């Protein structure tokens, strides 16, 4: 789905996504060890769950199985479904107090889930439902998913909003770049999506949209796509739509740390890294 980038996990996989699956299976009354190793016992439990849930029984947790397996949890919830969420290290930022995997969905778990949701542009309600789980499921080696920009988001909580508006303007959509992703911006997203495909149309900017929306820019370029990159670069950079020496320097500094090589060209890899940037 465009809004929910479910991963596909099967035999031989290891790590927190596998542990999450195992805790979810335990919450569904399948007695498996939560050891983070997708071995034969886990595969068999998944196949048994799939058979009962009416989805293909292949022992692999993919986009059809995840929505059936996930157990929505929130403040006050207890048990293995809560542990499935708590054990994700990505909910703990450097310097944070470690999140105890105790099966109690208390204030700290709520705060960490809310921060995770904010960082991805999700509905920031502190509840771990299917939408949040779809992004937790992608915590595997390899590229991270593009973030969501949802109708109703504002620049105050999501710097990607203004960047998305500038990019939509660069694609010919006559909307205000005001940092408020309201009806006008949502309509522009739907119109843009219809130029790409016939299905997965919504007012939210998601996984299928960003790669087609971004525009490669470099020193000497000007316009809305440059403003979008300047917005995401931050650091006091003037958002004037002119890709001059200061913007070039800022791009190279960012690339050096997050998207090498530092060539000063804002292409798909650099755009992806910029959209994932979390501002204070």
Protein backbone atom coordinates (compact mmCIF):
# COMPACT_ATOMS: atom_id res chain seq x y z
CA UNK A 1 0.00 0.00 0.00
CA UNK A 2 1.11 3.54 -0.60
CA UNK A 3 0.46 4.56 2.99
CA UNK A 4 1.62 1.38 4.70
CA UNK A 5 5.03 0.04 3.58
CA UNK A 6 4.71 -3.46 4.99
CA UNK A 7 7.88 -5.52 4.80
CA UNK A 8 8.19 -9.18 3.83
CA UNK A 9 9.91 -11.41 6.41
CA UNK A 10 10.64 -15.10 6.20
CA UNK A 11 13.01 -17.95 6.99
CA UNK A 12 16.53 -16.91 7.94
CA UNK A 13 15.63 -13.34 8.95
CA UNK A 14 16.83 -12.04 12.31
CA UNK A 15 16.42 -8.93 14.41
CA UNK A 16 13.71 -6.85 16.08
CA UNK A 17 11.15 -7.26 13.30
CA UNK A 18 11.33 -11.02 13.78
CA UNK A 19 11.09 -10.62 17.57
CA UNK A 20 8.06 -8.40 17.01
CA UNK A 21 6.44 -11.09 14.86
CA UNK A 22 7.16 -13.70 17.51
CA UNK A 23 5.61 -11.61 20.29
CA UNK A 24 2.57 -10.99 18.09
CA UNK A 25 2.28 -14.73 17.49
CA UNK A 26 2.47 -15.28 21.24
CA UNK A 27 -0.30 -12.71 21.68
CA UNK A 28 -2.29 -14.79 19.20
CA UNK A 29 -1.75 -17.91 21.40
CA UNK A 30 1.07 -19.46 19.35
CA UNK A 31 3.79 -20.71 21.70
CA UNK A 32 7.05 -19.60 20.05
CA UNK A 33 10.26 -18.29 21.56
CA UNK A 34 10.80 -14.55 21.10
CA UNK A 35 14.45 -14.98 20.18
CA UNK A 36 14.65 -12.83 17.05
CA UNK A 37 15.48 -15.77 14.77
CA UNK A 38 13.00 -16.76 12.06
CA UNK A 39 13.51 -20.52 12.26
CA UNK A 40 11.28 -23.50 11.45
CA UNK A 41 9.16 -23.11 14.60
CA UNK A 42 8.36 -19.49 13.78
CA UNK A 43 7.61 -20.37 10.16
CA UNK A 44 5.25 -23.14 11.27
CA UNK A 45 3.47 -20.83 13.71
CA UNK A 46 3.08 -18.20 10.98
CA UNK A 47 1.67 -20.80 8.58
CA UNK A 48 -0.81 -21.98 11.23
CA UNK A 49 -1.88 -18.41 11.92
CA UNK A 50 -2.27 -17.71 8.19
CA UNK A 51 -4.44 -20.78 7.72
CA UNK A 52 -6.75 -19.68 10.53
CA UNK A 53 -6.83 -16.10 9.24
CA UNK A 54 -7.71 -17.10 5.68
CA UNK A 55 -4.58 -15.79 3.99
CA UNK A 56 -2.09 -17.82 1.90
CA UNK A 57 -0.33 -20.25 4.23
CA UNK A 58 3.26 -19.83 3.07
CA UNK A 59 4.96 -19.20 6.43
CA UNK A 60 6.10 -15.74 5.28
CA UNK A 61 4.90 -12.53 6.91
CA UNK A 62 4.19 -10.10 4.07
CA UNK A 63 1.65 -7.37 3.20
CA UNK A 64 -1.31 -9.77 3.34
CA UNK A 65 -0.34 -11.31 6.68
CA UNK A 66 0.85 -8.26 8.64
CA UNK A 67 -2.55 -6.52 8.91
CA UNK A 68 -4.09 -9.75 10.21
CA UNK A 69 -1.26 -10.42 12.67
CA UNK A 70 -0.87 -6.97 14.19
CA UNK A 71 -2.59 -6.38 17.52
CA UNK A 72 -3.37 -2.69 18.14
CA UNK A 73 -2.16 -1.50 21.54
CA UNK A 74 -2.12 1.75 23.44
CA UNK A 75 -2.05 3.26 26.95
CA UNK A 76 -3.27 0.69 29.42
CA UNK A 77 -2.65 -2.34 27.18
CA UNK A 78 -0.64 -5.24 28.56
CA UNK A 79 0.92 -8.48 27.38
CA UNK A 80 2.99 -9.81 24.51
CA UNK A 81 1.50 -7.45 21.91
CA UNK A 82 2.90 -4.57 23.98
CA UNK A 83 6.27 -6.31 24.25
CA UNK A 84 6.27 -6.60 20.45
CA UNK A 85 6.33 -2.80 20.27
CA UNK A 86 8.61 -2.10 23.22
CA UNK A 87 11.49 -4.27 22.03
CA UNK A 88 12.21 -2.06 19.00
CA UNK A 89 15.47 -0.24 19.69
CA UNK A 90 14.50 2.44 17.17
CA UNK A 91 12.04 3.76 19.77
CA UNK A 92 15.02 4.74 21.94
CA UNK A 93 17.15 7.70 20.83
CA UNK A 94 20.79 8.06 21.96
CA UNK A 95 20.87 9.27 25.54
CA UNK A 96 17.30 8.18 26.24
CA UNK A 97 16.31 5.94 29.11
CA UNK A 98 15.99 2.40 27.70
CA UNK A 99 12.41 1.28 27.19
CA UNK A 100 11.66 -1.70 29.41
CA UNK A 101 10.14 -4.68 27.60
CA UNK A 102 7.71 -5.32 30.43
CA UNK A 103 4.41 -5.65 28.58
CA UNK A 104 2.98 -2.55 30.28
CA UNK A 105 1.94 0.24 27.88
CA UNK A 106 2.64 3.18 30.18
CA UNK A 107 3.50 6.86 29.68
CA UNK A 108 7.09 6.22 28.52
CA UNK A 109 5.98 3.74 25.86
CA UNK A 110 3.31 6.20 24.74
CA UNK A 111 5.87 9.01 24.48
CA UNK A 112 8.32 6.89 22.48
CA UNK A 113 5.62 5.71 20.07
CA UNK A 114 4.41 9.31 19.66
CA UNK A 115 7.94 10.45 18.81
CA UNK A 116 8.30 7.63 16.28
CA UNK A 117 5.00 8.65 14.71
CA UNK A 118 6.01 12.28 14.54
CA UNK A 119 9.33 11.44 12.89
CA UNK A 120 7.52 9.59 10.08
CA UNK A 121 4.61 12.01 9.68
CA UNK A 122 2.09 9.48 11.02
CA UNK A 123 -1.03 10.15 13.08
CA UNK A 124 0.58 11.15 16.38
CA UNK A 125 -1.75 9.50 18.89
CA UNK A 126 0.67 7.31 20.86
CA UNK A 127 -1.20 4.14 19.86
CA UNK A 128 0.58 1.32 18.01
CA UNK A 129 -1.98 0.40 15.38
CA UNK A 130 -1.62 -0.94 11.81
CA UNK A 131 -0.24 2.32 10.39
CA UNK A 132 2.52 2.58 13.01
CA UNK A 133 3.25 -1.14 12.79
CA UNK A 134 3.65 -0.89 9.02
CA UNK A 135 6.62 1.43 9.59
CA UNK A 136 7.99 -0.62 12.50
CA UNK A 137 7.91 -3.62 10.14
CA UNK A 138 10.44 -1.93 7.85
CA UNK A 139 13.18 -1.87 10.51
CA UNK A 140 15.26 -4.29 8.46
CA UNK A 141 18.64 -3.95 6.75
CA UNK A 142 18.30 -1.87 3.61
CA UNK A 143 16.73 1.47 2.66
CA UNK A 144 14.28 3.02 5.06
CA UNK A 145 10.86 3.95 3.62
CA UNK A 146 10.06 7.45 2.48
CA UNK A 147 8.10 9.33 5.17
CA UNK A 148 4.44 10.25 4.99
CA UNK A 149 3.07 13.76 4.64
CA UNK A 150 -0.57 13.61 5.65
CA UNK A 151 -3.38 16.05 5.10
CA UNK A 152 -3.70 18.17 8.23
CA UNK A 153 0.04 18.23 8.95
CA UNK A 154 1.68 21.62 9.46
CA UNK A 155 5.20 22.95 9.19
CA UNK A 156 5.22 23.47 12.97
CA UNK A 157 5.36 19.70 13.47
CA UNK A 158 6.69 18.49 10.12
CA UNK A 159 9.24 20.36 8.01
CA UNK A 160 8.47 18.04 5.11
CA UNK A 161 5.12 19.78 4.61
CA UNK A 162 6.63 22.96 3.17
CA UNK A 163 9.16 21.00 1.10
CA UNK A 164 6.37 18.86 -0.35
CA UNK A 165 4.39 21.96 -1.26
CA UNK A 166 7.38 23.50 -3.04
CA UNK A 167 7.89 20.26 -4.98
CA UNK A 168 4.21 20.11 -5.95
CA UNK A 169 4.49 23.69 -7.17
CA UNK A 170 7.56 22.68 -9.17
CA UNK A 171 5.40 20.00 -10.79
CA UNK A 172 2.89 22.64 -11.93
CA UNK A 173 0.33 22.55 -9.11
CA UNK A 174 -0.93 26.03 -8.21
CA UNK A 175 -1.00 25.79 -4.41
CA UNK A 176 0.29 27.99 -1.62
CA UNK A 177 3.59 27.02 -0.03
CA UNK A 178 2.40 28.01 3.44
CA UNK A 179 3.36 25.02 5.59
CA UNK A 180 -0.28 23.97 6.05
CA UNK A 181 -1.06 20.69 4.29
CA UNK A 182 -4.79 21.25 4.00
CA UNK A 183 -7.45 20.53 1.38
CA UNK A 184 -5.63 22.43 -1.37
CA UNK A 185 -2.40 20.49 -0.87
CA UNK A 186 -4.24 17.20 -0.50
CA UNK A 187 -6.05 17.83 -3.76
CA UNK A 188 -2.76 18.58 -5.50
CA UNK A 189 -1.34 15.28 -4.22
CA UNK A 190 -4.32 13.36 -5.62
CA UNK A 191 -3.97 15.12 -8.98
CA UNK A 192 -0.25 14.31 -9.05
CA UNK A 193 -0.89 10.67 -8.13
CA UNK A 194 -3.37 10.29 -11.00
CA UNK A 195 -0.59 11.16 -13.43
CA UNK A 196 1.34 8.16 -12.07
CA UNK A 197 -1.21 5.37 -11.56
CA UNK A 198 -4.86 4.34 -11.39
CA UNK A 199 -4.92 2.95 -7.85
CA UNK A 200 -3.64 3.96 -4.38
CA UNK A 201 -4.95 7.51 -4.76
CA UNK A 202 -5.23 9.58 -1.57
CA UNK A 203 -4.62 13.03 -0.15
CA UNK A 204 -1.46 11.81 1.57
CA UNK A 205 2.02 11.88 0.06
CA UNK A 206 3.52 8.42 0.53
CA UNK A 207 5.88 5.71 -0.64
CA UNK A 208 4.87 5.66 -4.27
CA UNK A 209 4.90 9.44 -4.67
CA UNK A 210 8.22 10.84 -3.41
CA UNK A 211 10.49 9.15 -5.99
CA UNK A 212 8.44 10.66 -8.82
CA UNK A 213 7.95 14.03 -7.11
CA UNK A 214 11.56 14.96 -6.32
CA UNK A 215 13.59 16.84 -8.92
CA UNK A 216 17.38 16.69 -9.15
CA UNK A 217 18.92 20.12 -8.52
CA UNK A 218 22.48 21.45 -8.37
CA UNK A 219 24.46 24.68 -8.26
CA UNK A 220 23.11 27.16 -10.81
CA UNK A 221 19.53 25.89 -10.65
CA UNK A 222 16.65 27.96 -9.33
CA UNK A 223 12.97 27.59 -8.51
CA UNK A 224 10.60 25.67 -6.29
CA UNK A 225 12.59 22.42 -6.19
CA UNK A 226 15.59 24.37 -4.90
CA UNK A 227 13.37 25.94 -2.23
CA UNK A 228 12.25 22.46 -1.21
CA UNK A 229 15.85 21.30 -0.76
CA UNK A 230 16.78 24.48 1.13
CA UNK A 231 13.82 23.97 3.46
CA UNK A 232 14.96 20.45 4.33
CA UNK A 233 18.61 21.43 4.69
CA UNK A 234 17.71 23.94 7.42
CA UNK A 235 20.57 25.32 9.47
CA UNK A 236 19.59 28.92 8.84
CA UNK A 237 19.96 28.55 5.07
CA UNK A 238 18.04 31.24 3.19
CA UNK A 239 15.13 29.70 1.26
CA UNK A 240 15.37 31.87 -1.84
CA UNK A 241 15.18 29.28 -4.60
CA UNK A 242 18.70 30.06 -5.80
CA UNK A 243 21.19 27.18 -5.69
CA UNK A 244 24.27 29.25 -5.04
CA UNK A 245 27.56 28.63 -3.19
CA UNK A 246 25.97 28.60 0.29
CA UNK A 247 23.37 26.01 -0.71
CA UNK A 248 26.07 23.97 -2.43
CA UNK A 249 28.17 24.04 0.74
CA UNK A 250 25.19 23.01 2.86
CA UNK A 251 24.35 20.14 0.52
CA UNK A 252 27.92 18.82 0.52
CA UNK A 253 28.11 19.02 4.32
CA UNK A 254 24.86 17.08 4.62
CA UNK A 255 25.95 14.49 2.06
CA UNK A 256 29.27 13.98 3.78
CA UNK A 257 27.43 12.76 6.88
CA UNK A 258 24.25 11.22 5.50
CA UNK A 259 24.30 10.67 1.72
CA UNK A 260 27.77 10.27 0.20
CA UNK A 261 29.35 11.03 -2.16
CA UNK A 262 29.49 14.73 -1.35
CA UNK A 263 29.04 15.93 -4.93
CA UNK A 264 26.66 18.84 -4.27
CA UNK A 265 23.92 17.31 -6.43
CA UNK A 266 20.54 16.80 -4.77
CA UNK A 267 19.44 13.64 -6.53
CA UNK A 268 17.14 10.79 -5.41
CA UNK A 269 19.53 9.43 -2.73
CA UNK A 270 20.10 12.86 -1.18
CA UNK A 271 16.39 13.73 -1.41
CA UNK A 272 15.55 10.49 0.40
CA UNK A 273 18.01 11.25 3.19
CA UNK A 274 16.76 14.84 3.47
CA UNK A 275 13.12 13.77 3.83
CA UNK A 276 14.09 11.47 6.70
CA UNK A 277 15.86 14.26 8.56
CA UNK A 278 14.41 15.00 11.99
CA UNK A 279 14.54 18.62 13.11
CA UNK A 280 14.64 19.78 16.71
